[in-house]
Protein backbone atom coordinates (compact mmCIF):
# COMPACT_ATOMS: atom_id res chain seq x y z
CA MET A 1 85.39 102.20 85.41
CA ALA A 2 84.82 98.72 86.78
CA SER A 3 87.59 96.20 86.43
CA ALA A 4 88.41 92.70 87.43
CA ALA A 5 90.59 92.42 90.47
CA PRO A 6 94.11 91.19 89.84
CA ALA A 7 94.84 87.64 90.90
CA PRO A 8 95.88 87.45 94.54
CA PRO A 9 99.52 86.57 95.15
CA SER A 10 100.47 83.14 96.41
CA PRO A 11 100.99 82.88 100.19
CA ASN A 12 104.75 82.55 99.74
CA ASN A 13 104.92 85.56 97.41
CA LEU A 14 102.81 87.65 99.78
CA LYS A 15 105.07 86.75 102.70
CA ARG A 16 108.12 87.78 100.65
CA ILE A 17 106.47 91.11 99.85
CA VAL A 18 105.60 91.66 103.51
CA ALA A 19 109.17 90.73 104.51
CA ALA A 20 110.62 93.17 101.97
CA SER A 21 108.45 96.01 103.24
CA LEU A 22 109.07 95.14 106.89
CA ILE A 23 112.85 94.87 106.58
CA GLY A 24 113.06 98.07 104.56
CA THR A 25 110.91 100.06 106.99
CA THR A 26 112.79 98.58 109.96
CA ILE A 27 116.08 99.85 108.54
CA GLU A 28 114.68 103.27 107.73
CA TRP A 29 113.09 103.65 111.17
CA TYR A 30 116.30 102.38 112.79
CA ASP A 31 118.14 105.21 111.08
CA PHE A 32 115.50 107.79 112.01
CA PHE A 33 115.07 106.72 115.65
CA LEU A 34 118.79 106.32 116.17
CA TYR A 35 119.11 110.04 115.61
CA GLY A 36 116.36 110.75 118.16
CA SER A 37 118.01 108.63 120.84
CA ALA A 38 121.42 110.14 120.12
CA ALA A 39 119.88 113.62 120.25
CA ALA A 40 118.65 112.89 123.76
CA LEU A 41 121.88 111.27 124.97
CA VAL A 42 125.01 112.70 123.28
CA PHE A 43 124.39 115.23 120.50
CA ASN A 44 123.82 118.01 123.02
CA LYS A 45 127.39 117.50 124.26
CA LEU A 46 129.06 116.89 120.89
CA PHE A 47 127.38 119.46 118.66
CA PHE A 48 126.04 122.08 121.10
CA PRO A 49 128.69 122.34 123.85
CA GLY A 50 128.78 125.19 126.33
CA SER A 51 125.00 125.32 126.79
CA ASP A 52 123.02 124.52 129.89
CA PRO A 53 122.36 120.73 129.68
CA LEU A 54 118.61 121.14 129.15
CA VAL A 55 119.13 123.97 126.65
CA GLY A 56 121.64 121.82 124.80
CA THR A 57 119.03 119.06 124.68
CA LEU A 58 116.50 121.55 123.30
CA LEU A 59 118.93 122.55 120.53
CA SER A 60 119.64 118.90 119.82
CA PHE A 61 115.92 118.13 119.55
CA LEU A 62 115.57 121.14 117.24
CA THR A 63 117.81 119.44 114.67
CA TYR A 64 115.75 116.29 115.35
CA ALA A 65 112.59 118.23 114.43
CA VAL A 66 114.19 119.45 111.18
CA GLY A 67 113.95 115.89 109.84
CA PHE A 68 110.19 116.07 110.17
CA ALA A 69 110.09 119.35 108.26
CA ALA A 70 111.56 117.58 105.23
CA ARG A 71 109.05 114.72 105.35
CA PRO A 72 106.21 116.59 103.55
CA LEU A 73 108.59 117.42 100.71
CA GLY A 74 109.56 113.77 100.53
CA ALA A 75 105.87 112.83 100.52
CA LEU A 76 105.18 115.19 97.60
CA VAL A 77 108.14 114.09 95.48
CA PHE A 78 107.97 110.36 96.21
CA GLY A 79 104.17 110.38 96.05
CA HIS A 80 104.20 112.05 92.63
CA TYR A 81 106.70 109.66 91.09
CA GLY A 82 105.36 106.66 93.00
CA ASP A 83 101.94 107.25 91.44
CA ARG A 84 103.52 107.71 88.01
CA LEU A 85 106.35 105.16 87.98
CA GLY A 86 105.41 102.62 90.62
CA ARG A 87 105.96 101.85 94.29
CA LYS A 88 109.03 99.62 94.07
CA LYS A 89 111.45 102.04 92.33
CA LEU A 90 110.81 104.79 94.82
CA LEU A 91 111.20 102.47 97.80
CA VAL A 92 114.67 101.50 96.62
CA LEU A 93 115.62 105.17 96.30
CA SER A 94 114.29 106.06 99.76
CA LEU A 95 116.33 103.27 101.35
CA LEU A 96 119.53 104.45 99.65
CA LEU A 97 119.00 108.06 100.71
CA MET A 98 118.22 107.22 104.31
CA GLY A 99 121.07 104.76 104.71
CA GLY A 100 123.59 107.07 103.07
CA ALA A 101 122.67 109.99 105.32
CA THR A 102 122.83 107.86 108.47
CA PHE A 103 126.20 106.40 107.53
CA ALA A 104 127.51 109.92 106.89
CA ILE A 105 126.39 111.05 110.38
CA GLY A 106 128.61 108.31 111.79
CA LEU A 107 131.61 109.94 110.03
CA LEU A 108 130.69 113.53 110.91
CA PRO A 109 133.28 115.64 112.77
CA THR A 110 131.99 117.20 116.00
CA HIS A 111 131.92 120.82 117.18
CA ALA A 112 135.31 120.35 118.85
CA THR A 113 136.87 119.56 115.45
CA ILE A 114 135.22 121.89 112.93
CA GLY A 115 133.25 124.31 115.08
CA SER A 116 129.83 125.60 113.99
CA ALA A 117 130.03 123.72 110.70
CA ALA A 118 129.35 120.50 112.63
CA PRO A 119 125.74 121.26 113.66
CA VAL A 120 125.11 122.67 110.16
CA LEU A 121 126.22 119.44 108.49
CA LEU A 122 124.28 117.44 111.05
CA THR A 123 121.15 119.41 110.18
CA VAL A 124 121.64 118.86 106.43
CA LEU A 125 121.97 115.10 106.90
CA ARG A 126 118.89 115.12 109.13
CA LEU A 127 117.00 116.86 106.31
CA VAL A 128 118.00 114.05 103.92
CA GLN A 129 116.78 111.49 106.45
CA GLY A 130 113.42 113.23 106.75
CA PHE A 131 113.05 113.56 102.97
CA ALA A 132 113.68 109.83 102.51
CA LEU A 133 111.32 108.78 105.30
CA GLY A 134 108.60 111.03 103.90
CA GLY A 135 108.53 108.83 100.82
CA GLU A 136 109.19 105.50 102.50
CA TRP A 137 106.06 105.04 104.59
CA GLY A 138 103.48 105.44 101.82
CA GLY A 139 105.26 103.16 99.38
CA ALA A 140 105.90 100.40 101.91
CA VAL A 141 102.33 100.15 103.19
CA LEU A 142 100.86 100.43 99.68
CA LEU A 143 103.06 97.67 98.30
CA VAL A 144 101.58 95.30 100.87
CA SER A 145 98.03 96.72 100.83
CA GLU A 146 97.82 96.43 97.04
CA HIS A 147 99.18 92.88 96.99
CA GLY A 148 97.34 91.41 99.94
CA ASP A 149 94.07 89.60 100.56
CA ALA A 150 91.34 92.23 100.96
CA ARG A 151 89.70 90.30 103.80
CA ARG A 152 92.93 90.43 105.85
CA ARG A 153 94.31 93.74 104.57
CA GLY A 154 94.43 95.26 108.05
CA PHE A 155 96.58 92.38 109.29
CA TRP A 156 98.98 92.23 106.35
CA ALA A 157 99.31 96.02 106.01
CA SER A 158 100.10 96.30 109.72
CA TRP A 159 103.35 94.38 109.27
CA PRO A 160 105.22 97.29 107.63
CA GLN A 161 104.00 99.31 110.62
CA THR A 162 105.94 96.96 112.90
CA GLY A 163 109.04 98.36 111.23
CA ALA A 164 108.73 101.36 113.58
CA PRO A 165 109.01 99.41 116.85
CA ALA A 166 111.48 97.01 115.22
CA GLY A 167 113.64 99.96 114.22
CA GLN A 168 113.22 101.46 117.68
CA LEU A 169 114.10 98.09 119.19
CA LEU A 170 117.20 97.76 117.04
CA ALA A 171 118.37 101.35 117.60
CA THR A 172 117.73 101.29 121.34
CA GLY A 173 119.22 97.81 121.66
CA VAL A 174 122.47 98.79 119.95
CA LEU A 175 122.74 101.96 122.04
CA SER A 176 121.89 100.07 125.23
CA LEU A 177 124.57 97.46 124.49
CA LEU A 178 127.17 100.12 123.81
CA THR A 179 126.37 102.11 126.94
CA ALA A 180 126.60 98.88 128.95
CA VAL A 181 130.03 97.81 127.67
CA LEU A 182 131.64 101.23 127.21
CA SER A 183 132.46 103.90 129.72
CA ASP A 184 130.61 107.20 129.40
CA SER A 185 133.74 108.89 128.07
CA ALA A 186 134.34 106.19 125.44
CA PHE A 187 130.72 106.25 124.31
CA VAL A 188 130.73 110.04 123.94
CA SER A 189 134.14 110.00 122.26
CA TRP A 190 133.62 107.32 119.60
CA GLY A 191 131.12 104.64 120.64
CA TRP A 192 128.07 106.61 119.47
CA ARG A 193 129.35 106.38 115.88
CA ILE A 194 129.10 102.57 115.70
CA PRO A 195 125.29 102.28 115.32
CA PHE A 196 125.30 104.96 112.60
CA LEU A 197 128.02 103.19 110.62
CA LEU A 198 126.18 99.89 111.05
CA SER A 199 123.43 101.35 108.87
CA GLY A 200 125.60 100.81 105.79
CA VAL A 201 125.50 97.03 106.27
CA LEU A 202 121.77 97.03 106.99
CA VAL A 203 121.00 99.00 103.82
CA MET A 204 122.80 96.44 101.66
CA VAL A 205 120.65 93.67 103.16
CA GLY A 206 117.49 95.75 102.70
CA LEU A 207 118.27 96.50 99.05
CA TRP A 208 118.91 92.86 98.25
CA ILE A 209 115.49 91.89 99.63
CA ARG A 210 113.57 94.90 98.29
CA LEU A 211 114.85 94.45 94.73
CA SER A 212 113.54 90.87 94.69
CA VAL A 213 109.81 91.72 94.89
CA ASP A 214 107.35 92.59 92.12
CA GLU A 215 105.53 95.86 91.55
CA SER A 216 102.01 96.18 92.97
CA PRO A 217 99.50 94.41 90.65
CA VAL A 218 96.81 96.98 91.53
CA PHE A 219 99.12 99.79 90.41
CA LYS A 220 100.06 97.98 87.18
CA GLN A 221 96.39 97.44 86.43
CA ALA A 222 95.55 101.10 87.09
CA LEU A 223 98.50 102.22 84.96
CA ALA A 224 97.32 100.02 82.07
CA HIS A 225 93.83 101.51 82.31
CA ALA A 226 95.25 105.02 82.36
CA GLU A 227 97.27 104.29 79.23
CA ALA A 228 94.19 102.85 77.54
CA ARG A 229 92.15 105.96 78.39
CA LYS A 230 94.93 108.17 77.10
CA ALA A 231 94.98 106.25 73.80
CA GLU A 232 91.19 106.55 73.47
CA GLN A 233 90.97 110.23 74.41
CA GLY A 234 94.07 111.47 72.65
CA SER A 235 97.24 112.92 74.13
CA ALA A 236 95.61 115.08 76.79
CA ALA A 237 97.96 115.44 79.72
CA GLU A 238 97.05 113.53 82.84
CA LYS A 239 96.59 115.72 85.92
CA LEU A 240 99.33 115.66 88.51
CA PRO A 241 98.52 113.27 91.36
CA ILE A 242 98.72 116.09 93.92
CA VAL A 243 96.15 118.11 91.96
CA SER A 244 93.79 115.15 91.84
CA VAL A 245 94.29 114.48 95.55
CA LEU A 246 93.40 118.05 96.49
CA ARG A 247 90.41 118.01 94.13
CA HIS A 248 88.85 114.66 95.03
CA HIS A 249 90.34 113.76 98.42
CA TRP A 250 90.94 116.98 100.36
CA ARG A 251 88.58 115.80 103.11
CA ASP A 252 90.41 112.48 103.40
CA VAL A 253 93.76 114.29 103.64
CA LEU A 254 92.45 116.38 106.54
CA ILE A 255 91.07 113.26 108.26
CA ALA A 256 94.41 111.48 107.88
CA MET A 257 96.24 114.50 109.31
CA GLY A 258 93.89 114.67 112.28
CA ALA A 259 94.17 110.93 112.85
CA ARG A 260 97.95 111.26 113.04
CA MET A 261 98.01 113.88 115.80
CA ALA A 262 97.56 111.67 118.87
CA GLU A 263 99.42 108.74 117.30
CA ASN A 264 102.49 110.78 116.33
CA ILE A 265 102.74 113.03 119.38
CA SER A 266 102.21 110.26 121.91
CA TYR A 267 104.80 108.03 120.25
CA TYR A 268 107.62 110.56 120.38
CA VAL A 269 106.77 111.61 123.92
CA ILE A 270 106.77 107.97 125.05
CA THR A 271 109.94 106.88 123.23
CA ALA A 272 112.15 109.96 122.67
CA PHE A 273 111.25 112.57 125.28
CA ILE A 274 111.02 109.94 127.99
CA LEU A 275 114.81 109.48 127.79
CA VAL A 276 115.14 113.11 128.85
CA TYR A 277 112.37 113.07 131.47
CA ALA A 278 113.40 109.82 133.13
CA THR A 279 117.08 110.78 133.40
CA THR A 280 116.49 114.35 134.63
CA ALA A 281 113.15 114.73 136.43
CA ALA A 282 112.90 111.12 137.69
CA ASP A 283 116.66 110.63 138.29
CA VAL A 284 116.73 107.32 136.39
CA SER A 285 120.00 106.20 134.81
CA LYS A 286 120.45 106.38 131.05
CA GLN A 287 120.90 102.60 130.88
CA THR A 288 117.68 101.96 132.83
CA ALA A 289 115.64 104.28 130.59
CA LEU A 290 117.02 102.66 127.42
CA ASN A 291 116.28 99.17 128.72
CA ALA A 292 112.68 100.10 129.55
CA VAL A 293 112.13 101.46 126.02
CA LEU A 294 113.77 98.32 124.64
CA ILE A 295 111.40 95.96 126.48
CA ALA A 296 108.32 98.05 125.67
CA SER A 297 109.26 98.21 121.97
CA ALA A 298 109.38 94.41 121.83
CA VAL A 299 105.81 94.25 123.16
CA HIS A 300 104.79 97.01 120.75
CA PHE A 301 106.12 94.97 117.83
CA ALA A 302 104.10 91.92 118.93
CA VAL A 303 100.74 93.66 119.41
CA ILE A 304 100.61 95.68 116.18
CA PRO A 305 99.59 92.70 113.94
CA MET A 306 96.99 91.74 116.56
CA TRP A 307 95.41 95.19 116.41
CA GLY A 308 95.58 95.01 112.58
CA ALA A 309 93.75 91.67 112.59
CA LEU A 310 91.11 93.09 114.96
CA SER A 311 90.53 95.97 112.53
CA ASP A 312 89.67 93.36 109.87
CA ARG A 313 86.95 92.00 112.15
CA ILE A 314 85.37 95.12 113.66
CA GLY A 315 86.63 97.94 111.43
CA ARG A 316 89.46 100.47 111.29
CA ARG A 317 87.63 103.26 113.14
CA PRO A 318 86.68 101.38 116.35
CA VAL A 319 90.24 100.14 116.88
CA TYR A 320 91.71 103.56 116.13
CA LEU A 321 89.28 105.34 118.46
CA LEU A 322 90.05 102.86 121.23
CA GLY A 323 93.76 103.60 120.96
CA ALA A 324 93.31 107.39 120.91
CA ALA A 325 90.99 107.41 123.93
CA GLY A 326 93.27 105.01 125.79
CA ILE A 327 96.35 107.18 125.25
CA GLY A 328 94.54 110.23 126.56
CA LEU A 329 93.43 108.41 129.71
CA TRP A 330 96.89 106.90 130.29
CA MET A 331 98.96 110.08 130.28
CA PHE A 332 98.65 111.02 133.95
CA PRO A 333 99.25 107.46 135.22
CA PHE A 334 102.14 107.24 132.72
CA PHE A 335 104.09 110.10 134.29
CA SER A 336 103.11 109.12 137.84
CA LEU A 337 104.64 105.68 137.34
CA ILE A 338 107.84 107.12 135.92
CA ASP A 339 108.15 109.58 138.81
CA THR A 340 108.55 106.65 141.19
CA GLY A 341 111.93 105.87 139.63
CA SER A 342 111.15 102.14 139.75
CA PHE A 343 112.39 100.11 136.78
CA GLY A 344 109.25 97.93 136.88
CA ASN A 345 106.98 100.96 136.88
CA LEU A 346 108.99 102.50 134.05
CA ILE A 347 108.49 99.36 131.95
CA LEU A 348 104.77 99.29 132.79
CA ALA A 349 104.27 102.95 131.90
CA ILE A 350 106.01 102.77 128.52
CA THR A 351 104.63 99.35 127.57
CA VAL A 352 100.97 100.24 128.21
CA GLY A 353 101.50 103.50 126.34
CA LEU A 354 102.94 101.71 123.30
CA VAL A 355 100.25 99.01 123.33
CA LEU A 356 97.60 101.75 123.16
CA HIS A 357 99.60 103.55 120.50
CA GLY A 358 99.60 100.31 118.48
CA ALA A 359 95.81 100.38 118.35
CA MET A 360 96.11 103.58 116.30
CA TYR A 361 99.24 102.69 114.35
CA ALA A 362 98.22 99.17 113.26
CA PRO A 363 95.03 99.99 111.29
CA GLN A 364 96.51 103.24 109.99
CA ALA A 365 98.20 101.62 106.96
CA ALA A 366 95.04 99.97 105.63
CA PHE A 367 92.82 102.88 106.73
CA PHE A 368 94.81 105.51 104.81
CA SER A 369 95.34 103.25 101.77
CA GLU A 370 91.60 102.63 101.47
CA MET A 371 90.83 106.35 101.40
CA PHE A 372 92.45 107.10 98.04
CA ALA A 373 92.19 106.07 94.38
CA THR A 374 95.04 103.94 93.02
CA ARG A 375 96.63 106.53 90.75
CA MET A 376 96.75 109.09 93.56
CA ARG A 377 97.06 106.71 96.53
CA TYR A 378 100.81 107.11 97.10
CA SER A 379 100.45 110.91 97.04
CA GLY A 380 97.28 111.01 99.13
CA ALA A 381 98.38 108.62 101.86
CA SER A 382 101.87 110.13 102.06
CA ILE A 383 100.67 113.74 102.14
CA GLY A 384 98.05 113.03 104.80
CA ALA A 385 100.55 111.17 106.98
CA GLN A 386 103.65 113.30 106.52
CA PHE A 387 102.18 116.80 106.59
CA ALA A 388 100.72 115.94 109.99
CA SER A 389 104.16 114.92 111.23
CA VAL A 390 105.35 118.54 110.95
CA ALA A 391 102.76 119.68 113.49
CA ALA A 392 102.76 116.47 115.54
CA GLY A 393 105.91 114.36 115.83
CA ALA A 394 108.40 117.07 114.82
CA PRO A 395 107.89 119.45 117.75
CA ALA A 396 106.67 116.86 120.27
CA PRO A 397 109.99 116.21 122.10
CA LEU A 398 110.87 119.89 121.73
CA ILE A 399 107.56 121.09 123.20
CA ALA A 400 107.65 118.48 125.96
CA THR A 401 111.22 119.46 126.92
CA ALA A 402 110.32 123.17 126.89
CA LEU A 403 107.26 122.53 129.09
CA LEU A 404 109.39 120.58 131.53
CA ASP A 405 111.95 123.41 131.59
CA ASP A 406 109.30 126.09 132.15
CA TYR A 407 107.03 124.33 134.66
CA GLY A 408 109.21 121.62 136.19
CA SER A 409 106.18 119.30 136.08
CA SER A 410 104.75 116.56 133.87
CA THR A 411 101.19 117.95 134.10
CA PRO A 412 101.46 120.37 131.12
CA ILE A 413 103.04 117.59 129.04
CA ALA A 414 100.19 115.20 129.84
CA LEU A 415 97.65 117.91 128.92
CA TYR A 416 99.50 118.50 125.65
CA VAL A 417 99.12 114.84 124.65
CA ILE A 418 95.48 114.79 125.78
CA ALA A 419 94.72 117.80 123.55
CA ALA A 420 96.16 115.85 120.61
CA THR A 421 93.92 112.88 121.40
CA VAL A 422 90.86 115.13 121.27
CA LEU A 423 91.78 116.21 117.73
CA THR A 424 92.27 112.59 116.68
CA LEU A 425 88.97 111.46 118.20
CA ILE A 426 87.17 114.17 116.24
CA ALA A 427 88.94 113.36 112.94
CA VAL A 428 88.42 109.60 113.12
CA GLY A 429 84.91 110.08 114.51
CA VAL A 430 83.76 111.92 111.37
CA ALA A 431 85.57 109.54 108.97
CA LYS A 432 83.77 106.81 107.06
CA GLU A 433 84.59 103.17 107.74
CA THR A 434 86.83 101.80 104.95
CA ARG A 435 87.22 98.13 105.92
CA ASN A 436 85.00 96.75 103.10
CA ARG A 437 86.50 98.80 100.28
CA ASP A 438 88.18 96.84 97.49
CA LEU A 439 91.30 98.60 96.21
CA ALA A 440 90.99 96.96 92.79
CA ASP A 441 87.20 97.07 92.32
CA VAL A 442 87.01 100.54 90.81
CA ASP A 443 89.77 102.45 89.10
CA ALA A 444 88.78 106.10 89.43
CA PRO A 445 90.55 108.25 86.81
CA ALA A 446 92.51 111.09 88.33
CA ASP A 447 90.59 113.68 86.32
CA ALA A 448 87.12 112.13 86.33
CA GLU A 449 84.09 112.68 88.50
CA PRO A 450 83.36 109.92 91.03
CA VAL A 451 81.78 106.77 89.57
CA LYS A 452 78.86 105.28 91.44
CA ALA A 453 79.13 101.64 92.46
CA ALA A 454 76.85 99.39 94.44
CA THR A 455 79.00 99.11 97.55
CA VAL A 456 82.13 101.12 96.81
CA ASP A 457 82.71 104.85 96.56
CA ALA A 458 84.81 105.28 93.41
CA ARG A 459 86.65 108.25 94.85
CA THR A 460 88.20 106.08 97.49
CA VAL A 461 89.52 103.17 95.44
């Protein structure tokens, strides 16, 4: 069914929408990454005492991985209702869930106070975090993608992606400041709680901004068409978005999952596991490792919109492939630089790694959005992205730590990341370029066969 594209938003309105998505994703990623940093630095002592230090870190990272296990469920639930009710409502709910869970972690008694109940409660709150984040990503990138100028969609949609390094920057910055001004005993005793409790203030700011934006015009248009079809065809029930995704877009879901492997695994090795590797194998201080991640995250934030803009010029696939290949080639130099123990080399290793990661992460928002039809786009993009996180980002720090424990060398860890890049190169290599697809040009019904168009595949709009 062909339809006129909705009127593009004014520049000021588009900037407000981008700001709302960016601030919301920054807060959610702050909450999520804060847990990862704390898992590497203090949770092994507070919630898993009595273990060998590296074993305690493994157990701590295991609760970290649990958050990823909940992300597919969040993708299914938020995707379903986001495709039925709209993007904005679900984004508000995801922010409340994430912020509430993070704030509660800051109040959580430790193992010394309530025994084994402490790690159990920590795990439950981590599950809530993962569930919320599973629904956040898809809604945030779609709200911008479906509002923005099609010619610059890669650039505008990359801004919510900067919420990841911004959240990392904020989480690492707060932790770095606290470790600098507090003694180790004070930080372990009570200082680690401060950044978790700070989440409550950040969520209030995020809600105020997120509630001020309008629903996606592309979604409202698709919803109106669906209602019109329903009136014309009777009261036949509309298929569930997940059913339509698996029927019409199963190949795109697999491509999205494969594309995420190198991006997700490399990111958590470079930003989370590196805190363990640098402080144990390379004998770098905790403060030095945090500062290196802090500096590299600032560069990461700056380059993501640049990679997004480049994807508007040359396509999503070339930029993505460049990033995946670059990460694979960088892994051995990455660990070699860290092994020197030099602060400058540590910054160089992490910064180059995150710049190459940005080449995958920046076009990902537009790339995944352009794969799916409007009334199944939230479900399709979220499922493709979040199901991959269970196999990729969830076990990455855990696997890397276990490899380090077993082999005492970075070589198996580098090979692990390189294997992931091979999967991503294959997935993106067989994908179709999506840069010229118009999200509003064709509204493919969830239960209809693909409609032929001159330049657009109806299944993907």
